[in-house]
Amino acid sequence: MRALLEIELDTATANQAVADGAMADGIREALAQLKPEAAYFFARNGNRAMILVVDVPDEAAVPSIAEPFWLRTNAKVDLHICMNADELMEGLKRLGS
């Protein structure tokens, strides 16, 4: 199922990762593992943040998606199941049945 993965990095931890060169490798590794449909990077609340649209095959996949961000960057992680417009229309159609 499609999910919106919101990640807000801890500034002190992220600053160290940038300084020692680990940030780019970590981002590259996360993108290779998660293969997001879309990835956006921005500032939120004065912190580095990103939103990834990822596939979550089942509930048991959640730890492998979230834990690396918690462990490596002390990040705040939110995961929301989401849908595109076609999926919304299908869901609304089913609602009428």
C-alpha atoms as a PDB file:
ATOM      1  CA  MET A   1       0.000   0.000   0.000  1.00  0.00           C
ATOM      2  CA  ARG A   2       1.144   3.540  -0.687  1.00  0.00           C
ATOM      3  CA  ALA A   3       2.287   5.597   2.300  1.00  0.00           C
ATOM      4  CA  LEU A   4       3.515   9.105   2.943  1.00  0.00           C
ATOM      5  CA  LEU A   5       6.677   8.914   5.053  1.00  0.00           C
ATOM      6  CA  GLU A   6       7.467  12.196   6.807  1.00  0.00           C
ATOM      7  CA  ILE A   7      10.912  12.487   8.398  1.00  0.00           C
ATOM      8  CA  GLU A   8      12.228  15.404  10.427  1.00  0.00           C
ATOM      9  CA  LEU A   9      15.899  15.039  11.332  1.00  0.00           C
ATOM     10  CA  ASP A  10      17.386  16.064  14.665  1.00  0.00           C
ATOM     11  CA  THR A  11      19.561  19.103  13.877  1.00  0.00           C
ATOM     12  CA  ALA A  12      22.574  18.214  16.044  1.00  0.00           C
ATOM     13  CA  THR A  13      22.710  14.642  14.737  1.00  0.00           C
ATOM     14  CA  ALA A  14      22.174  15.759  11.131  1.00  0.00           C
ATOM     15  CA  ASN A  15      24.845  18.470  11.455  1.00  0.00           C
ATOM     16  CA  GLN A  16      27.358  15.812  12.505  1.00  0.00           C
ATOM     17  CA  ALA A  17      26.301  13.576   9.590  1.00  0.00           C
ATOM     18  CA  VAL A  18      26.800  16.464   7.153  1.00  0.00           C
ATOM     19  CA  ALA A  19      30.173  17.360   8.700  1.00  0.00           C
ATOM     20  CA  ASP A  20      31.551  13.817   8.522  1.00  0.00           C
ATOM     21  CA  GLY A  21      30.104  13.121   5.054  1.00  0.00           C
ATOM     22  CA  ALA A  22      27.621  10.464   6.176  1.00  0.00           C
ATOM     23  CA  MET A  23      24.477  12.435   5.253  1.00  0.00           C
ATOM     24  CA  ALA A  24      24.714  11.960   1.471  1.00  0.00           C
ATOM     25  CA  ASP A  25      25.513   8.266   1.843  1.00  0.00           C
ATOM     26  CA  GLY A  26      22.627   7.805   4.285  1.00  0.00           C
ATOM     27  CA  ILE A  27      20.140   9.524   1.978  1.00  0.00           C
ATOM     28  CA  ARG A  28      21.407   7.543  -1.010  1.00  0.00           C
ATOM     29  CA  GLU A  29      21.101   4.289   0.965  1.00  0.00           C
ATOM     30  CA  ALA A  30      17.572   5.111   2.168  1.00  0.00           C
ATOM     31  CA  LEU A  31      16.425   5.956  -1.365  1.00  0.00           C
ATOM     32  CA  ALA A  32      17.950   2.746  -2.740  1.00  0.00           C
ATOM     33  CA  GLN A  33      16.247   0.653  -0.042  1.00  0.00           C
ATOM     34  CA  LEU A  34      12.826   2.329  -0.081  1.00  0.00           C
ATOM     35  CA  LYS A  35      12.614   3.094  -3.833  1.00  0.00           C
ATOM     36  CA  PRO A  36      10.170   5.967  -3.273  1.00  0.00           C
ATOM     37  CA  GLU A  37       7.617   6.961  -5.869  1.00  0.00           C
ATOM     38  CA  ALA A  38       8.532  10.557  -4.984  1.00  0.00           C
ATOM     39  CA  ALA A  39      11.034  12.223  -2.636  1.00  0.00           C
ATOM     40  CA  TYR A  40      11.053  15.848  -1.468  1.00  0.00           C
ATOM     41  CA  PHE A  41      13.555  17.570   0.835  1.00  0.00           C
ATOM     42  CA  PHE A  42      12.881  20.810   2.700  1.00  0.00           C
ATOM     43  CA  ALA A  43      13.117  22.654   6.026  1.00  0.00           C
ATOM     44  CA  ARG A  44      10.417  22.116   8.665  1.00  0.00           C
ATOM     45  CA  ASN A  45      10.407  23.768  12.084  1.00  0.00           C
ATOM     46  CA  GLY A  46      14.000  24.822  11.429  1.00  0.00           C
ATOM     47  CA  ASN A  47      15.099  21.217  10.849  1.00  0.00           C
ATOM     48  CA  ARG A  48      16.046  19.230   7.790  1.00  0.00           C
ATOM     49  CA  ALA A  49      13.045  17.233   6.621  1.00  0.00           C
ATOM     50  CA  MET A  50      11.895  14.984   3.836  1.00  0.00           C
ATOM     51  CA  ILE A  51       8.725  13.421   2.532  1.00  0.00           C
ATOM     52  CA  LEU A  52       8.908  10.129   0.676  1.00  0.00           C
ATOM     53  CA  VAL A  53       6.026   8.344  -1.007  1.00  0.00           C
ATOM     54  CA  VAL A  54       6.798   4.677  -0.445  1.00  0.00           C
ATOM     55  CA  ASP A  55       5.228   1.255  -0.835  1.00  0.00           C
ATOM     56  CA  VAL A  56       4.529  -0.529   2.459  1.00  0.00           C
ATOM     57  CA  PRO A  57       3.931  -4.182   1.594  1.00  0.00           C
ATOM     58  CA  ASP A  58       2.444  -5.008   5.012  1.00  0.00           C
ATOM     59  CA  GLU A  59       2.415  -3.885   8.652  1.00  0.00           C
ATOM     60  CA  ALA A  60       5.542  -5.902   9.453  1.00  0.00           C
ATOM     61  CA  ALA A  61       7.531  -3.663   7.081  1.00  0.00           C
ATOM     62  CA  VAL A  62       7.055  -0.564   9.255  1.00  0.00           C
ATOM     63  CA  PRO A  63      10.042  -1.192  11.594  1.00  0.00           C
ATOM     64  CA  SER A  64      12.448  -1.672   8.680  1.00  0.00           C
ATOM     65  CA  ILE A  65      11.187   1.586   7.165  1.00  0.00           C
ATOM     66  CA  ALA A  66      11.248   3.770  10.296  1.00  0.00           C
ATOM     67  CA  GLU A  67      14.068   2.364  12.479  1.00  0.00           C
ATOM     68  CA  PRO A  68      16.997   3.459  10.295  1.00  0.00           C
ATOM     69  CA  PHE A  69      15.854   7.082  10.537  1.00  0.00           C
ATOM     70  CA  TRP A  70      15.397   6.860  14.307  1.00  0.00           C
ATOM     71  CA  LEU A  71      18.708   5.096  14.877  1.00  0.00           C
ATOM     72  CA  ARG A  72      20.905   7.122  12.517  1.00  0.00           C
ATOM     73  CA  THR A  73      19.506  10.636  12.845  1.00  0.00           C
ATOM     74  CA  ASN A  74      17.276  10.646  15.931  1.00  0.00           C
ATOM     75  CA  ALA A  75      14.500  11.671  13.531  1.00  0.00           C
ATOM     76  CA  LYS A  76      10.814  12.211  14.088  1.00  0.00           C
ATOM     77  CA  VAL A  77       9.014   9.805  11.749  1.00  0.00           C
ATOM     78  CA  ASP A  78       5.348   9.790  10.712  1.00  0.00           C
ATOM     79  CA  LEU A  79       3.841   7.249   8.342  1.00  0.00           C
ATOM     80  CA  HIS A  80       0.427   7.824   6.759  1.00  0.00           C
ATOM     81  CA  ILE A  81      -1.409   5.501   4.399  1.00  0.00           C
ATOM     82  CA  CYS A  82      -2.407   7.583   1.380  1.00  0.00           C
ATOM     83  CA  MET A  83      -3.917   7.264  -2.084  1.00  0.00           C
ATOM     84  CA  ASN A  84      -3.859   8.960  -5.439  1.00  0.00           C
ATOM     85  CA  ALA A  85      -6.934  10.453  -7.126  1.00  0.00           C
ATOM     86  CA  ASP A  86      -7.828   7.241  -8.984  1.00  0.00           C
ATOM     87  CA  GLU A  87      -7.706   5.244  -5.752  1.00  0.00           C
ATOM     88  CA  LEU A  88      -9.863   7.837  -4.009  1.00  0.00           C
ATOM     89  CA  MET A  89     -12.457   7.632  -6.773  1.00  0.00           C
ATOM     90  CA  GLU A  90     -12.478   3.810  -6.507  1.00  0.00           C
ATOM     91  CA  GLY A  91     -12.897   4.052  -2.753  1.00  0.00           C
ATOM     92  CA  LEU A  92     -15.793   6.492  -3.131  1.00  0.00           C
ATOM     93  CA  LYS A  93     -17.371   4.204  -5.724  1.00  0.00           C
ATOM     94  CA  ARG A  94     -17.142   1.263  -3.292  1.00  0.00           C
ATOM     95  CA  LEU A  95     -18.666   3.421  -0.564  1.00  0.00           C
ATOM     96  CA  GLY A  96     -21.824   3.748  -2.654  1.00  0.00           C
ATOM     97  CA  SER A  97     -22.173  -0.040  -2.992  1.00  0.00           C
END
